[in-house]
Amino acid sequence: MSPLAAEICIVTARPGHIRAIAERMRAADRAEIFAASGRSPLSALSFSYRHSSHVWTALFDGRPEVMWGVGDLNILTGIGAPWLLGTDAVDKNVHGFLRISRHWPSQLLGRYRLLRNLVDARNTISIRWLEWLGFRLSDPVEINGHPFHLFEMGDADV
């Protein structure tokens, strides 16, 4: 590990992590949240935390920097909605972030048959990461006047 690389630790998310991340959220994530829901970062993270069956936080050098989880879209058919919101620490520690995130989809597919959500078409870094993870992205659709891609992984015949 290089001297500039952060030590990254994954923990079960706690309510205290929400404000720490929301106050320093990446501009692209802020824009995506607002375009999709009109929510503030604090409101969006709080909502996602409360409505997800599984939520984790990545601590970079002990500081909450990324929170992600999956909400149940349809528990009868096993469809989950993965989400991730973070700070600029992700971009500053991209190799460490890629290393810790590479197995997330396969771990989630052990619990869900299909993972599905939307990503803002302007959020190019997140789109590249989703494609790197192996998600399929649809052509953009308009939501609240902004282009979004549906992204999916798993059994699309659910």
Protein backbone atom coordinates (compact mmCIF):
# COMPACT_ATOMS: atom_id res chain seq x y z
CA MET A 1 0.00 0.00 0.00
CA SER A 2 1.39 3.38 -0.95
CA PRO A 3 1.88 5.97 1.81
CA LEU A 4 -0.94 8.09 0.35
CA ALA A 5 -3.50 5.26 0.15
CA ALA A 6 -6.18 5.28 2.81
CA GLU A 7 -6.81 2.29 5.02
CA ILE A 8 -10.33 1.17 4.11
CA CYS A 9 -12.53 -0.76 6.51
CA ILE A 10 -16.09 -1.96 5.81
CA VAL A 11 -18.52 -1.84 8.74
CA THR A 12 -22.26 -2.17 9.23
CA ALA A 13 -23.68 1.31 8.65
CA ARG A 14 -24.83 3.30 11.66
CA PRO A 15 -27.07 6.38 11.78
CA GLY A 16 -24.07 8.48 12.89
CA HIS A 17 -22.39 7.87 9.54
CA ILE A 18 -25.19 9.58 7.60
CA ARG A 19 -24.48 13.21 8.48
CA ALA A 20 -20.69 12.74 8.16
CA ILE A 21 -21.09 11.57 4.55
CA ALA A 22 -23.99 13.88 3.61
CA GLU A 23 -22.07 17.01 4.60
CA ARG A 24 -19.19 16.12 2.25
CA MET A 25 -21.02 14.26 -0.53
CA ARG A 26 -19.57 14.24 -4.05
CA ALA A 27 -21.07 16.85 -6.37
CA ALA A 28 -22.16 14.17 -8.87
CA ASP A 29 -24.04 12.26 -6.15
CA ARG A 30 -25.68 15.48 -4.92
CA ALA A 31 -26.83 16.31 -8.45
CA GLU A 32 -28.15 12.78 -9.03
CA ILE A 33 -30.13 12.78 -5.77
CA PHE A 34 -31.67 16.15 -6.50
CA ALA A 35 -32.54 15.22 -10.10
CA ALA A 36 -34.14 11.92 -9.09
CA SER A 37 -35.99 12.94 -5.94
CA GLY A 38 -35.49 16.61 -5.07
CA ARG A 39 -33.99 15.46 -1.76
CA SER A 40 -30.97 16.85 0.06
CA PRO A 41 -27.98 14.55 0.66
CA LEU A 42 -28.98 14.20 4.33
CA SER A 43 -32.58 13.35 3.46
CA ALA A 44 -31.58 10.90 0.70
CA LEU A 45 -29.06 9.04 2.87
CA SER A 46 -31.49 8.91 5.81
CA PHE A 47 -34.27 7.59 3.56
CA SER A 48 -32.01 5.00 1.91
CA TYR A 49 -30.67 3.85 5.27
CA ARG A 50 -34.18 3.39 6.70
CA HIS A 51 -35.57 1.64 3.62
CA SER A 52 -32.76 -0.81 2.93
CA SER A 53 -32.47 -4.35 4.19
CA HIS A 54 -28.66 -4.23 4.25
CA VAL A 55 -26.45 -1.13 4.61
CA TRP A 56 -22.69 -0.76 4.96
CA THR A 57 -20.20 2.08 5.40
CA ALA A 58 -16.64 2.26 4.15
CA LEU A 59 -14.35 4.03 6.60
CA PHE A 60 -11.26 5.57 4.99
CA ASP A 61 -8.65 6.03 7.71
CA GLY A 62 -11.48 5.71 10.25
CA ARG A 63 -13.71 8.37 8.67
CA PRO A 64 -17.11 7.50 7.05
CA GLU A 65 -16.75 8.21 3.33
CA VAL A 66 -19.11 5.86 1.46
CA MET A 67 -22.45 4.31 2.36
CA TRP A 68 -24.23 1.74 0.24
CA GLY A 69 -26.97 -0.76 0.56
CA VAL A 70 -29.81 -2.55 -1.13
CA GLY A 71 -33.51 -2.05 -0.71
CA ASP A 72 -36.16 -4.64 -1.46
CA LEU A 73 -38.07 -3.73 -4.62
CA ASN A 74 -39.94 -7.04 -4.59
CA ILE A 75 -39.09 -9.62 -1.96
CA LEU A 76 -41.39 -12.24 -3.53
CA THR A 77 -39.41 -12.26 -6.78
CA GLY A 78 -36.03 -11.33 -5.27
CA ILE A 79 -35.48 -7.91 -6.83
CA GLY A 80 -33.22 -5.51 -4.95
CA ALA A 81 -32.25 -1.89 -5.59
CA PRO A 82 -28.54 -1.30 -4.91
CA TRP A 83 -27.39 2.24 -4.16
CA LEU A 84 -24.16 3.97 -3.17
CA LEU A 85 -23.44 7.54 -2.09
CA GLY A 86 -20.06 8.89 -1.10
CA THR A 87 -17.59 11.70 -0.74
CA ASP A 88 -14.65 12.80 -2.88
CA ALA A 89 -12.51 10.33 -0.91
CA VAL A 90 -13.71 7.69 -3.39
CA ASP A 91 -12.09 9.54 -6.30
CA LYS A 92 -8.91 10.17 -4.27
CA ASN A 93 -8.63 6.47 -3.36
CA VAL A 94 -9.99 4.91 -6.53
CA HIS A 95 -7.76 1.79 -6.50
CA GLY A 96 -8.68 0.94 -2.93
CA PHE A 97 -12.35 1.59 -3.64
CA LEU A 98 -12.29 -0.65 -6.73
CA ARG A 99 -10.58 -3.39 -4.74
CA ILE A 100 -13.20 -3.37 -1.98
CA SER A 101 -16.19 -3.03 -4.33
CA ARG A 102 -15.31 -5.65 -6.94
CA HIS A 103 -17.21 -8.49 -5.16
CA TRP A 104 -20.26 -6.53 -3.99
CA PRO A 105 -22.54 -7.56 -6.88
CA SER A 106 -21.85 -11.27 -6.46
CA GLN A 107 -22.42 -10.99 -2.71
CA LEU A 108 -25.74 -9.20 -3.29
CA LEU A 109 -26.77 -11.72 -5.95
CA GLY A 110 -26.52 -14.35 -3.21
CA ARG A 111 -29.50 -12.58 -1.62
CA TYR A 112 -31.34 -11.26 -4.71
CA ARG A 113 -32.06 -12.74 -8.13
CA LEU A 114 -31.96 -9.33 -9.80
CA LEU A 115 -30.31 -6.02 -8.89
CA ARG A 116 -31.91 -2.97 -10.50
CA ASN A 117 -31.75 0.80 -10.05
CA LEU A 118 -31.21 4.07 -11.93
CA VAL A 119 -28.09 6.18 -12.43
CA ASP A 120 -27.98 9.77 -13.65
CA ALA A 121 -26.66 9.77 -17.23
CA ARG A 122 -24.46 12.77 -16.30
CA ASN A 123 -22.71 10.76 -13.55
CA THR A 124 -20.02 9.37 -15.85
CA ILE A 125 -17.74 8.10 -13.07
CA SER A 126 -20.55 6.05 -11.53
CA ILE A 127 -21.56 4.73 -14.97
CA ARG A 128 -17.99 3.57 -15.68
CA TRP A 129 -17.86 1.88 -12.25
CA LEU A 130 -21.22 0.13 -12.80
CA GLU A 131 -20.05 -1.13 -16.20
CA TRP A 132 -16.74 -2.26 -14.66
CA LEU A 133 -18.75 -4.25 -12.09
CA GLY A 134 -20.69 -5.91 -14.92
CA PHE A 135 -24.06 -4.16 -14.77
CA ARG A 136 -26.09 -3.81 -17.98
CA LEU A 137 -27.21 -0.23 -18.69
CA SER A 138 -30.26 0.73 -20.76
CA ASP A 139 -30.60 3.66 -23.08
CA PRO A 140 -31.41 6.84 -21.13
CA VAL A 141 -34.97 7.57 -20.04
CA GLU A 142 -36.17 10.92 -18.77
CA ILE A 143 -37.05 11.27 -15.10
CA ASN A 144 -37.98 14.68 -13.71
CA GLY A 145 -36.51 16.27 -16.84
CA HIS A 146 -33.12 14.53 -16.51
CA PRO A 147 -31.68 11.50 -18.35
CA PHE A 148 -31.19 8.31 -16.32
CA HIS A 149 -29.99 4.82 -17.22
CA LEU A 150 -31.61 1.73 -15.75
CA PHE A 151 -28.84 -0.60 -14.61
CA GLU A 152 -29.33 -4.30 -13.93
CA MET A 153 -27.48 -7.46 -13.04
CA GLY A 154 -28.81 -10.94 -12.50
CA ASP A 155 -31.77 -12.88 -13.83
CA ALA A 156 -33.62 -10.36 -16.01
CA ASP A 157 -36.50 -12.83 -16.45
CA VAL A 158 -37.65 -12.29 -12.85
